[in-house]
Amino acid sequence: MGEMSKADAERKRNSFRSKIEEAKKQVRENFDEMDFENARERTVMEGYIQEMEGEFAALIGTLDGMTFE
């Protein structure tokens, strides 16, 4: 695999970060638009959404921690 310039690597990282942030936003918006039959279903799904948002945040944190030379 070839080497990538610092600028190209940073652009790629920023692109990944933007896509992850957009996915996180879409997951939350889709959840907010859901119509639940009862509060228990909503609470369970809310837990899944929060878990996913935590994973997105962790991945963004990992990307933000990357440095290139």
Protein backbone atom coordinates (compact mmCIF):
# COMPACT_ATOMS: atom_id res chain seq x y z
CA MET A 1 0.00 0.00 0.00
CA GLY A 2 1.38 3.42 -0.94
CA GLU A 3 2.02 6.29 1.38
CA MET A 4 -0.38 9.19 1.72
CA SER A 5 0.54 12.81 2.33
CA LYS A 6 -0.32 14.40 5.66
CA ALA A 7 -2.88 16.67 3.98
CA ASP A 8 -4.55 13.73 2.19
CA ALA A 9 -4.65 11.68 5.39
CA GLU A 10 -6.21 14.57 7.32
CA ARG A 11 -8.81 15.11 4.59
CA LYS A 12 -9.66 11.39 4.63
CA ARG A 13 -9.95 11.41 8.44
CA ASN A 14 -12.16 14.50 8.35
CA SER A 15 -14.34 12.89 5.70
CA PHE A 16 -14.78 9.77 7.85
CA ARG A 17 -15.55 11.98 10.86
CA SER A 18 -18.22 13.89 8.92
CA LYS A 19 -19.85 10.67 7.72
CA ILE A 20 -19.94 9.27 11.26
CA GLU A 21 -21.41 12.49 12.64
CA GLU A 22 -24.08 12.43 9.92
CA ALA A 23 -24.91 8.78 10.70
CA LYS A 24 -25.19 9.63 14.41
CA LYS A 25 -27.54 12.51 13.59
CA GLN A 26 -29.68 10.33 11.29
CA VAL A 27 -29.99 7.57 13.88
CA ARG A 28 -31.25 10.07 16.46
CA GLU A 29 -33.64 11.72 13.99
CA ASN A 30 -35.05 8.36 12.90
CA PHE A 31 -35.59 7.39 16.52
CA ASP A 32 -37.29 10.69 17.30
CA GLU A 33 -39.68 10.13 14.38
CA MET A 34 -40.65 6.60 15.48
CA ASP A 35 -44.14 6.00 16.80
CA PHE A 36 -44.09 3.51 19.69
CA GLU A 37 -47.02 1.48 20.96
CA ASN A 38 -45.92 1.82 24.57
CA ALA A 39 -43.37 3.49 26.81
CA ARG A 40 -41.44 0.27 27.49
CA GLU A 41 -40.67 -0.23 23.79
CA ARG A 42 -39.51 3.38 23.56
CA THR A 43 -37.30 3.01 26.64
CA VAL A 44 -35.67 -0.16 25.30
CA MET A 45 -35.03 1.43 21.91
CA GLU A 46 -33.70 4.59 23.57
CA GLY A 47 -31.11 2.41 25.30
CA TYR A 48 -29.99 1.00 21.95
CA ILE A 49 -29.80 4.48 20.45
CA GLN A 50 -27.71 5.78 23.35
CA GLU A 51 -25.39 2.79 22.97
CA MET A 52 -24.98 3.53 19.27
CA GLU A 53 -24.34 7.20 19.97
CA GLY A 54 -21.67 6.21 22.47
CA GLU A 55 -19.99 4.01 19.86
CA PHE A 56 -20.13 6.84 17.33
CA ALA A 57 -18.59 9.22 19.88
CA ALA A 58 -15.82 6.73 20.71
CA LEU A 59 -15.00 6.31 17.03
CA ILE A 60 -14.93 10.08 16.53
CA GLY A 61 -12.63 10.35 19.55
CA THR A 62 -10.30 7.78 18.01
CA LEU A 63 -10.25 9.65 14.72
CA ASP A 64 -9.63 12.97 16.50
CA GLY A 65 -6.68 11.39 18.29
CA MET A 66 -4.95 10.47 15.05
CA THR A 67 -1.98 12.53 13.98
CA PHE A 68 -0.06 12.36 10.75
CA GLU A 69 3.46 13.26 9.72
